[in-house]
Amino acid sequence: MEKTEVATMPSQAGFTLIELMITLIIGVTMISIATPGLMKIVQSNRMVALHNDLLSDLALARSTAVTRSSNATLCASNAYSNQCLSSSNQWPNGWIVFEDVDNDGQVDSAETIIAVNNSLHDQLTVIASNTRVSFDPEGFASGFANEFTFCDSRGDTAKKGLLVSNAGRSRVVETSEISVSCP
């Protein structure tokens, strides 16, 4: 007797539609759970970076005043980062550091801008008690003590603070020490 061969279907490797749908549902669920926590981390990192930028630029202004035996100022900048805002406690455009020879708080033609920081993220706010911090040739900020408050969409619960004393010393402050409320 003769043997006849039966054709068999080749086996296919892959996923069924149901398996793919279940995997997709699990993935979307995990992403939706992780997203709020990730956003808080991103917001915190942005605020800490801005806080550190201001702290280092305050140190730059102070060291510039001492090394050049001249006055140096850090102030809220205008939209073009070439002049100081004269009457705002909010610093929406960032700040500039410049050698302020006549100590008037404005960039004059003979004065040099040393640093510009206009990388303020649109979701962050910097509020200051003064429009500028000016250091004298000895590194003092007499009459220009300042309190900086950093805010974002989380409000007062996440704000950060920085104080500049009349002695010219900058220090980080706890949330409970900050007198300004976030908008």
N, C-alpha and C. Protein backbone atom coordinates (compact mmCIF):
# COMPACT_ATOMS: atom_id res chain seq x y z
N MET A 1 0.80 -1.16 0.00
CA MET A 1 0.00 0.00 0.00
C MET A 1 0.87 1.25 0.00
N GLU A 2 0.37 2.14 -0.65
CA GLU A 2 1.11 3.37 -0.84
C GLU A 2 0.73 4.39 0.23
N LYS A 3 1.74 5.08 0.75
CA LYS A 3 1.50 6.09 1.78
C LYS A 3 1.24 7.44 1.12
N THR A 4 0.25 8.10 1.62
CA THR A 4 0.02 9.46 1.12
C THR A 4 0.38 10.45 2.23
N GLU A 5 1.00 11.51 1.82
CA GLU A 5 1.39 12.51 2.80
C GLU A 5 0.30 13.55 2.93
N VAL A 6 0.07 13.91 4.15
CA VAL A 6 -0.93 14.94 4.44
C VAL A 6 -0.20 16.27 4.59
N ALA A 7 -0.69 17.28 3.91
CA ALA A 7 -0.06 18.60 3.99
C ALA A 7 -0.40 19.23 5.33
N THR A 8 0.62 19.67 6.03
CA THR A 8 0.38 20.33 7.32
C THR A 8 0.66 21.82 7.17
N MET A 9 -0.04 22.59 7.95
CA MET A 9 0.14 24.04 7.94
C MET A 9 1.44 24.36 8.67
N PRO A 10 2.25 25.25 8.09
CA PRO A 10 3.45 25.64 8.82
C PRO A 10 3.06 26.43 10.07
N SER A 11 3.75 26.21 11.17
CA SER A 11 3.42 26.92 12.40
C SER A 11 3.93 28.37 12.29
N GLN A 12 3.14 29.27 12.79
CA GLN A 12 3.49 30.67 12.73
C GLN A 12 3.81 31.18 14.13
N ALA A 13 4.88 31.95 14.21
CA ALA A 13 5.24 32.56 15.48
C ALA A 13 4.72 33.98 15.47
N GLY A 14 4.06 34.42 16.54
CA GLY A 14 3.53 35.77 16.60
C GLY A 14 2.56 35.92 17.74
N PHE A 15 1.86 37.04 17.74
CA PHE A 15 0.92 37.33 18.81
C PHE A 15 -0.47 37.43 18.22
N THR A 16 -1.43 37.06 19.02
CA THR A 16 -2.82 37.22 18.60
C THR A 16 -3.24 38.67 18.89
N LEU A 17 -4.33 39.06 18.30
CA LEU A 17 -4.85 40.40 18.51
C LEU A 17 -5.19 40.63 19.98
N ILE A 18 -5.70 39.66 20.64
CA ILE A 18 -6.06 39.78 22.06
C ILE A 18 -4.80 39.99 22.91
N GLU A 19 -3.75 39.26 22.63
CA GLU A 19 -2.50 39.42 23.37
C GLU A 19 -1.94 40.83 23.18
N LEU A 20 -1.98 41.35 21.96
CA LEU A 20 -1.49 42.70 21.71
C LEU A 20 -2.32 43.76 22.43
N MET A 21 -3.62 43.60 22.45
CA MET A 21 -4.51 44.56 23.12
C MET A 21 -4.26 44.56 24.64
N ILE A 22 -4.09 43.40 25.22
CA ILE A 22 -3.83 43.31 26.66
C ILE A 22 -2.50 43.98 26.99
N THR A 23 -1.47 43.73 26.19
CA THR A 23 -0.17 44.36 26.40
C THR A 23 -0.27 45.88 26.29
N LEU A 24 -1.00 46.36 25.31
CA LEU A 24 -1.18 47.80 25.13
C LEU A 24 -1.91 48.41 26.32
N ILE A 25 -2.94 47.78 26.82
CA ILE A 25 -3.69 48.28 27.97
C ILE A 25 -2.79 48.35 29.21
N ILE A 26 -1.99 47.33 29.43
CA ILE A 26 -1.08 47.32 30.58
C ILE A 26 -0.05 48.45 30.45
N GLY A 27 0.50 48.64 29.25
CA GLY A 27 1.47 49.70 29.03
C GLY A 27 0.90 51.09 29.27
N VAL A 28 -0.28 51.36 28.75
CA VAL A 28 -0.92 52.66 28.93
C VAL A 28 -1.22 52.90 30.41
N THR A 29 -1.66 51.89 31.11
CA THR A 29 -1.94 52.02 32.54
C THR A 29 -0.68 52.36 33.32
N MET A 30 0.41 51.71 33.01
CA MET A 30 1.66 51.97 33.73
C MET A 30 2.17 53.39 33.43
N ILE A 31 2.06 53.84 32.21
CA ILE A 31 2.49 55.19 31.86
C ILE A 31 1.63 56.23 32.57
N SER A 32 0.33 56.03 32.63
CA SER A 32 -0.55 57.00 33.28
C SER A 32 -0.30 57.06 34.78
N ILE A 33 0.16 55.99 35.38
CA ILE A 33 0.49 56.00 36.81
C ILE A 33 1.81 56.72 37.04
N ALA A 34 2.78 56.55 36.16
CA ALA A 34 4.12 57.11 36.35
C ALA A 34 4.23 58.59 35.96
N THR A 35 3.38 59.09 35.09
CA THR A 35 3.51 60.45 34.57
C THR A 35 3.45 61.55 35.63
N PRO A 36 2.50 61.56 36.56
CA PRO A 36 2.48 62.64 37.56
C PRO A 36 3.76 62.69 38.40
N GLY A 37 4.27 61.57 38.80
CA GLY A 37 5.51 61.54 39.57
C GLY A 37 6.68 62.05 38.77
N LEU A 38 6.72 61.72 37.51
CA LEU A 38 7.79 62.18 36.63
C LEU A 38 7.72 63.69 36.44
N MET A 39 6.52 64.25 36.34
CA MET A 39 6.37 65.70 36.18
C MET A 39 6.87 66.44 37.41
N LYS A 40 6.63 65.90 38.60
CA LYS A 40 7.12 66.54 39.82
C LYS A 40 8.65 66.55 39.84
N ILE A 41 9.26 65.49 39.38
CA ILE A 41 10.72 65.41 39.33
C ILE A 41 11.26 66.44 38.34
N VAL A 42 10.63 66.56 37.19
CA VAL A 42 11.06 67.54 36.19
C VAL A 42 10.92 68.96 36.74
N GLN A 43 9.80 69.27 37.38
CA GLN A 43 9.59 70.60 37.95
C GLN A 43 10.63 70.90 39.03
N SER A 44 10.88 69.94 39.89
CA SER A 44 11.87 70.14 40.95
C SER A 44 13.26 70.37 40.38
N ASN A 45 13.63 69.61 39.37
CA ASN A 45 14.95 69.77 38.75
C ASN A 45 15.10 71.13 38.08
N ARG A 46 14.05 71.61 37.43
CA ARG A 46 14.10 72.94 36.81
C ARG A 46 14.30 74.03 37.85
N MET A 47 13.57 73.90 38.96
CA MET A 47 13.67 74.91 40.00
C MET A 47 15.05 74.89 40.66
N VAL A 48 15.57 73.73 40.93
CA VAL A 48 16.90 73.62 41.54
C VAL A 48 17.96 74.17 40.59
N ALA A 49 17.84 73.91 39.31
CA ALA A 49 18.81 74.43 38.34
C ALA A 49 18.78 75.95 38.31
N LEU A 50 17.61 76.55 38.31
CA LEU A 50 17.49 78.01 38.31
C LEU A 50 18.04 78.59 39.61
N HIS A 51 17.71 77.96 40.70
CA HIS A 51 18.20 78.37 42.02
C HIS A 51 19.73 78.37 42.04
N ASN A 52 20.34 77.30 41.53
CA ASN A 52 21.80 77.21 41.48
C ASN A 52 22.41 78.23 40.53
N ASP A 53 21.74 78.51 39.42
CA ASP A 53 22.22 79.53 38.48
C ASP A 53 22.29 80.89 39.16
N LEU A 54 21.24 81.26 39.89
CA LEU A 54 21.23 82.55 40.57
C LEU A 54 22.29 82.59 41.66
N LEU A 55 22.43 81.52 42.40
CA LEU A 55 23.44 81.46 43.45
C LEU A 55 24.85 81.65 42.89
N SER A 56 25.13 81.00 41.77
CA SER A 56 26.47 81.14 41.17
C SER A 56 26.67 82.53 40.56
N ASP A 57 25.61 83.13 40.01
CA ASP A 57 25.75 84.48 39.46
C ASP A 57 25.89 85.54 40.56
N LEU A 58 25.29 85.30 41.72
CA LEU A 58 25.52 86.18 42.86
C LEU A 58 26.98 86.11 43.30
N ALA A 59 27.52 84.90 43.34
CA ALA A 59 28.94 84.73 43.69
C ALA A 59 29.83 85.40 42.64
N LEU A 60 29.44 85.30 41.37
CA LEU A 60 30.21 85.96 40.30
C LEU A 60 30.20 87.47 40.47
N ALA A 61 29.04 88.03 40.77
CA ALA A 61 28.94 89.49 40.95
C ALA A 61 29.79 89.93 42.13
N ARG A 62 29.72 89.20 43.22
CA ARG A 62 30.51 89.57 44.40
C ARG A 62 32.01 89.47 44.12
N SER A 63 32.44 88.38 43.49
CA SER A 63 33.87 88.23 43.21
C SER A 63 34.35 89.24 42.18
N THR A 64 33.47 89.62 41.25
CA THR A 64 33.82 90.66 40.28
C THR A 64 34.07 91.99 40.98
N ALA A 65 33.20 92.33 41.93
CA ALA A 65 33.37 93.58 42.66
C ALA A 65 34.69 93.59 43.43
N VAL A 66 35.00 92.47 44.05
CA VAL A 66 36.23 92.41 44.85
C VAL A 66 37.48 92.41 43.97
N THR A 67 37.49 91.59 42.93
CA THR A 67 38.70 91.48 42.10
C THR A 67 38.94 92.72 41.25
N ARG A 68 37.89 93.42 40.85
CA ARG A 68 38.07 94.62 40.02
C ARG A 68 38.08 95.90 40.85
N SER A 69 37.94 95.76 42.15
CA SER A 69 37.87 96.92 43.05
C SER A 69 36.87 97.95 42.54
N SER A 70 35.70 97.47 42.21
CA SER A 70 34.64 98.31 41.67
C SER A 70 33.30 97.76 42.18
N ASN A 71 32.23 98.45 41.89
CA ASN A 71 30.91 97.92 42.22
C ASN A 71 30.46 96.96 41.13
N ALA A 72 29.69 95.96 41.52
CA ALA A 72 29.09 95.03 40.57
C ALA A 72 27.64 94.81 40.98
N THR A 73 26.78 94.66 40.00
CA THR A 73 25.34 94.55 40.27
C THR A 73 24.75 93.34 39.55
N LEU A 74 23.82 92.70 40.22
CA LEU A 74 22.98 91.66 39.62
C LEU A 74 21.57 92.21 39.70
N CYS A 75 20.87 92.28 38.56
CA CYS A 75 19.54 92.87 38.54
C CYS A 75 18.62 92.11 37.59
N ALA A 76 17.32 92.34 37.76
CA ALA A 76 16.32 91.79 36.84
C ALA A 76 16.52 92.45 35.48
N SER A 77 16.58 91.64 34.43
CA SER A 77 16.86 92.20 33.11
C SER A 77 15.59 92.46 32.32
N ASN A 78 15.72 93.36 31.36
CA ASN A 78 14.62 93.62 30.45
C ASN A 78 14.56 92.48 29.41
N ALA A 79 13.65 92.58 28.48
CA ALA A 79 13.46 91.52 27.49
C ALA A 79 14.66 91.32 26.58
N TYR A 80 15.50 92.35 26.44
CA TYR A 80 16.67 92.27 25.57
C TYR A 80 17.96 91.91 26.31
N SER A 81 17.86 91.76 27.61
CA SER A 81 19.00 91.42 28.48
C SER A 81 20.14 92.41 28.36
N ASN A 82 19.79 93.69 28.22
CA ASN A 82 20.84 94.71 28.14
C ASN A 82 20.64 95.86 29.12
N GLN A 83 19.57 95.83 29.89
CA GLN A 83 19.29 96.85 30.91
C GLN A 83 18.55 96.20 32.07
N CYS A 84 18.53 96.90 33.19
CA CYS A 84 17.82 96.42 34.38
C CYS A 84 16.37 96.91 34.36
N LEU A 85 15.48 96.09 34.89
CA LEU A 85 14.12 96.55 35.15
C LEU A 85 14.20 97.40 36.41
N SER A 86 13.54 98.53 36.41
CA SER A 86 13.72 99.44 37.53
C SER A 86 12.63 99.35 38.59
N SER A 87 11.51 98.74 38.30
CA SER A 87 10.42 98.78 39.30
C SER A 87 9.61 97.50 39.35
N SER A 88 10.26 96.35 39.32
CA SER A 88 9.50 95.10 39.36
C SER A 88 10.11 94.16 40.37
N ASN A 89 9.25 93.54 41.17
CA ASN A 89 9.78 92.54 42.09
C ASN A 89 9.76 91.15 41.45
N GLN A 90 9.11 91.01 40.30
CA GLN A 90 9.18 89.75 39.57
C GLN A 90 10.23 89.88 38.48
N TRP A 91 10.97 88.81 38.28
CA TRP A 91 12.08 88.82 37.33
C TRP A 91 11.73 87.89 36.16
N PRO A 92 10.82 88.29 35.28
CA PRO A 92 10.33 87.38 34.24
C PRO A 92 11.33 87.07 33.13
N ASN A 93 12.32 87.92 32.95
CA ASN A 93 13.27 87.74 31.84
C ASN A 93 14.63 87.24 32.30
N GLY A 94 14.75 86.89 33.57
CA GLY A 94 16.04 86.48 34.08
C GLY A 94 16.80 87.66 34.66
N TRP A 95 18.14 87.62 34.59
CA TRP A 95 18.95 88.66 35.21
C TRP A 95 20.25 88.87 34.45
N ILE A 96 20.89 89.98 34.79
CA ILE A 96 22.21 90.27 34.23
C ILE A 96 23.16 90.64 35.38
N VAL A 97 24.43 90.39 35.15
CA VAL A 97 25.49 90.78 36.08
C VAL A 97 26.39 91.74 35.31
N PHE A 98 26.68 92.89 35.91
CA PHE A 98 27.53 93.85 35.21
C PHE A 98 28.37 94.64 36.20
N GLU A 99 29.47 95.17 35.70
CA GLU A 99 30.32 96.05 36.49
C GLU A 99 29.62 97.40 36.54
N ASP A 100 29.22 97.80 37.72
CA ASP A 100 28.42 99.01 37.91
C ASP A 100 29.31 100.10 38.53
N VAL A 101 30.13 100.73 37.71
CA VAL A 101 31.15 101.67 38.18
C VAL A 101 30.55 102.79 39.01
N ASP A 102 29.44 103.39 38.55
CA ASP A 102 28.83 104.51 39.27
C ASP A 102 27.77 104.07 40.28
N ASN A 103 27.54 102.77 40.41
CA ASN A 103 26.61 102.19 41.39
C ASN A 103 25.20 102.77 41.28
N ASP A 104 24.73 102.98 40.04
CA ASP A 104 23.38 103.51 39.85
C ASP A 104 22.36 102.42 39.50
N GLY A 105 22.82 101.19 39.35
CA GLY A 105 21.91 100.09 39.06
C GLY A 105 21.47 100.01 37.62
N GLN A 106 22.10 100.77 36.74
CA GLN A 106 21.79 100.73 35.32
C GLN A 106 23.06 100.53 34.51
N VAL A 107 22.93 99.82 33.40
CA VAL A 107 24.08 99.58 32.53
C VAL A 107 24.32 100.82 31.69
N ASP A 108 25.45 101.47 31.93
CA ASP A 108 25.84 102.64 31.16
C ASP A 108 26.79 102.22 30.05
N SER A 109 27.09 103.13 29.15
CA SER A 109 27.92 102.79 27.98
C SER A 109 29.33 102.33 28.37
N ALA A 110 29.88 102.81 29.46
CA ALA A 110 31.24 102.45 29.86
C ALA A 110 31.27 101.19 30.73
N GLU A 111 30.12 100.62 31.04
CA GLU A 111 30.06 99.47 31.94
C GLU A 111 29.88 98.17 31.15
N THR A 112 30.50 97.13 31.67
CA THR A 112 30.54 95.85 30.97
C THR A 112 29.54 94.87 31.57
N ILE A 113 28.73 94.24 30.71
CA ILE A 113 27.87 93.14 31.15
C ILE A 113 28.74 91.89 31.22
N ILE A 114 28.75 91.26 32.37
CA ILE A 114 29.62 90.11 32.62
C ILE A 114 28.90 88.79 32.38
N ALA A 115 27.64 88.73 32.77
CA ALA A 115 26.88 87.49 32.61
C ALA A 115 25.42 87.81 32.35
N VAL A 116 24.78 86.96 31.57
CA VAL A 116 23.36 87.08 31.26
C VAL A 116 22.72 85.72 31.49
N ASN A 117 21.63 85.71 32.22
CA ASN A 117 20.87 84.48 32.39
C ASN A 117 19.43 84.78 32.02
N ASN A 118 19.05 84.39 30.82
CA ASN A 118 17.67 84.59 30.36
C ASN A 118 17.01 83.26 30.04
N SER A 119 17.45 82.22 30.72
CA SER A 119 16.93 80.88 30.47
C SER A 119 15.80 80.51 31.42
N LEU A 120 15.07 81.51 31.87
CA LEU A 120 13.97 81.28 32.80
C LEU A 120 12.86 80.52 32.09
N HIS A 121 12.54 79.34 32.59
CA HIS A 121 11.49 78.52 32.00
C HIS A 121 10.15 79.20 32.23
N ASP A 122 9.25 79.11 31.26
CA ASP A 122 7.98 79.84 31.34
C ASP A 122 7.08 79.38 32.49
N GLN A 123 7.37 78.24 33.09
CA GLN A 123 6.56 77.76 34.20
C GLN A 123 7.16 78.12 35.56
N LEU A 124 8.27 78.86 35.56
CA LEU A 124 8.92 79.25 36.80
C LEU A 124 8.83 80.76 36.99
N THR A 125 8.76 81.18 38.25
CA THR A 125 8.69 82.59 38.58
C THR A 125 9.76 82.89 39.63
N VAL A 126 10.46 84.01 39.44
CA VAL A 126 11.41 84.49 40.44
C VAL A 126 10.86 85.80 40.98
N ILE A 127 10.69 85.85 42.30
CA ILE A 127 10.20 87.05 42.96
C ILE A 127 11.29 87.52 43.92
N ALA A 128 11.63 88.80 43.86
CA ALA A 128 12.69 89.34 44.71
C ALA A 128 12.15 90.51 45.53
N SER A 129 12.75 90.73 46.69
CA SER A 129 12.31 91.85 47.53
C SER A 129 12.88 93.18 47.04
N ASN A 130 13.98 93.15 46.28
CA ASN A 130 14.58 94.35 45.68
C ASN A 130 14.78 94.11 44.19
N THR A 131 14.94 95.19 43.44
CA THR A 131 15.15 95.05 42.01
C THR A 131 16.58 94.70 41.65
N ARG A 132 17.49 94.82 42.62
CA ARG A 132 18.88 94.50 42.34
C ARG A 132 19.63 94.15 43.60
N VAL A 133 20.81 93.57 43.41
CA VAL A 133 21.79 93.34 44.48
C VAL A 133 23.09 93.94 43.97
N SER A 134 23.61 94.93 44.69
CA SER A 134 24.86 95.57 44.30
C SER A 134 25.92 95.30 45.36
N PHE A 135 27.08 94.91 44.90
CA PHE A 135 28.20 94.63 45.79
C PHE A 135 29.24 95.73 45.64
N ASP A 136 29.81 96.16 46.78
CA ASP A 136 30.87 97.17 46.75
C ASP A 136 32.23 96.49 46.60
N PRO A 137 33.31 97.23 46.47
CA PRO A 137 34.63 96.62 46.26
C PRO A 137 35.10 95.69 47.39
N GLU A 138 34.50 95.78 48.57
CA GLU A 138 34.84 94.89 49.66
C GLU A 138 33.96 93.64 49.68
N GLY A 139 32.98 93.54 48.78
CA GLY A 139 32.09 92.38 48.70
C GLY A 139 30.83 92.50 49.52
N PHE A 140 30.59 93.67 50.11
CA PHE A 140 29.38 93.88 50.89
C PHE A 140 28.23 94.30 49.98
N ALA A 141 27.01 93.95 50.40
CA ALA A 141 25.81 94.35 49.68
C ALA A 141 25.00 95.31 50.54
N SER A 142 25.66 96.22 51.22
CA SER A 142 25.01 97.15 52.16
C SER A 142 23.86 97.89 51.50
N GLY A 143 22.68 97.74 52.09
CA GLY A 143 21.49 98.38 51.55
C GLY A 143 20.81 97.60 50.45
N PHE A 144 21.41 96.48 50.05
CA PHE A 144 20.84 95.71 48.95
C PHE A 144 20.55 94.25 49.35
N ALA A 145 20.31 94.04 50.63
CA ALA A 145 19.91 92.69 51.07
C ALA A 145 18.67 92.31 50.28
N ASN A 146 18.56 91.06 49.94
CA ASN A 146 17.48 90.64 49.05
C ASN A 146 17.00 89.25 49.42
N GLU A 147 15.73 89.02 49.22
CA GLU A 147 15.14 87.70 49.41
C GLU A 147 14.56 87.27 48.07
N PHE A 148 15.02 86.13 47.58
CA PHE A 148 14.52 85.58 46.32
C PHE A 148 13.62 84.39 46.61
N THR A 149 12.49 84.35 45.93
CA THR A 149 11.57 83.22 46.04
C THR A 149 11.37 82.64 44.66
N PHE A 150 11.50 81.32 44.55
CA PHE A 150 11.33 80.60 43.29
C PHE A 150 10.03 79.82 43.38
N CYS A 151 9.14 80.05 42.41
CA CYS A 151 7.82 79.42 42.41
C CYS A 151 7.56 78.71 41.09
N ASP A 152 6.69 77.71 41.15
CA ASP A 152 6.18 77.08 39.94
C ASP A 152 4.70 76.77 40.16
N SER A 153 4.13 75.95 39.31
CA SER A 153 2.69 75.69 39.37
C SER A 153 2.25 74.96 40.63
N ARG A 154 3.17 74.41 41.39
CA ARG A 154 2.82 73.70 42.63
C ARG A 154 2.57 74.65 43.79
N GLY A 155 2.90 75.94 43.62
CA GLY A 155 2.60 76.95 44.64
C GLY A 155 3.55 76.93 45.82
N ASP A 156 3.02 77.35 46.98
CA ASP A 156 3.84 77.52 48.18
C ASP A 156 4.44 76.23 48.72
N THR A 157 3.85 75.11 48.40
CA THR A 157 4.36 73.85 48.95
C THR A 157 5.71 73.46 48.37
N ALA A 158 6.05 73.97 47.21
CA ALA A 158 7.30 73.58 46.55
C ALA A 158 8.26 74.75 46.36
N LYS A 159 7.94 75.92 46.91
CA LYS A 159 8.80 77.08 46.67
C LYS A 159 10.17 76.90 47.32
N LYS A 160 11.15 77.60 46.74
CA LYS A 160 12.51 77.59 47.27
C LYS A 160 12.92 79.03 47.51
N GLY A 161 13.89 79.23 48.40
CA GLY A 161 14.30 80.58 48.73
C GLY A 161 15.79 80.75 48.82
N LEU A 162 16.19 82.01 48.67
CA LEU A 162 17.60 82.39 48.71
C LEU A 162 17.67 83.78 49.34
N LEU A 163 18.55 83.96 50.30
CA LEU A 163 18.72 85.25 50.95
C LEU A 163 20.12 85.79 50.69
N VAL A 164 20.19 87.09 50.46
CA VAL A 164 21.47 87.79 50.35
C VAL A 164 21.49 88.80 51.49
N SER A 165 22.49 88.71 52.36
CA SER A 165 22.58 89.62 53.51
C SER A 165 23.30 90.90 53.13
N ASN A 166 23.25 91.89 54.01
CA ASN A 166 23.99 93.13 53.79
C ASN A 166 25.50 92.89 53.75
N ALA A 167 25.93 91.80 54.36
CA ALA A 167 27.36 91.45 54.34
C ALA A 167 27.76 90.83 53.00
N GLY A 168 26.79 90.57 52.14
CA GLY A 168 27.08 90.02 50.81
C GLY A 168 27.00 88.51 50.74
N ARG A 169 26.68 87.87 51.85
CA ARG A 169 26.62 86.41 51.89
C ARG A 169 25.28 85.92 51.35
N SER A 170 25.33 84.93 50.48
CA SER A 170 24.11 84.32 49.93
C SER A 170 23.91 82.97 50.61
N ARG A 171 22.67 82.67 50.94
CA ARG A 171 22.41 81.37 51.55
C ARG A 171 21.02 80.87 51.17
N VAL A 172 20.91 79.56 51.12
CA VAL A 172 19.65 78.90 50.84
C VAL A 172 18.82 78.90 52.11
N VAL A 173 17.52 79.15 51.99
CA VAL A 173 16.65 79.16 53.17
C VAL A 173 15.57 78.09 53.05
N GLU A 174 15.09 77.68 54.20
CA GLU A 174 14.01 76.70 54.26
C GLU A 174 12.70 77.36 53.84
N THR A 175 11.75 76.56 53.42
CA THR A 175 10.45 77.07 52.98
C THR A 175 9.78 77.89 54.07
N SER A 176 9.92 77.47 55.32
CA SER A 176 9.27 78.19 56.43
C SER A 176 9.86 79.58 56.64
N GLU A 177 11.09 79.84 56.18
CA GLU A 177 11.74 81.14 56.35
C GLU A 177 11.39 82.14 55.25
N ILE A 178 10.70 81.70 54.21
CA ILE A 178 10.40 82.56 53.06
C ILE A 178 9.13 83.34 53.36
N SER A 179 9.21 84.68 53.29
CA SER A 179 8.06 85.51 53.63
C SER A 179 7.12 85.76 52.46
N VAL A 180 7.59 85.55 51.23
CA VAL A 180 6.79 85.82 50.04
C VAL A 180 5.97 84.59 49.67
N SER A 181 4.70 84.82 49.32
CA SER A 181 3.86 83.72 48.85
C SER A 181 3.90 83.65 47.33
N CYS A 182 3.81 82.45 46.82
CA CYS A 182 3.79 82.26 45.37
C CYS A 182 2.44 82.66 44.80
N PRO A 183 2.45 83.22 43.61
CA PRO A 183 1.17 83.63 42.98
C PRO A 183 0.33 82.45 42.58
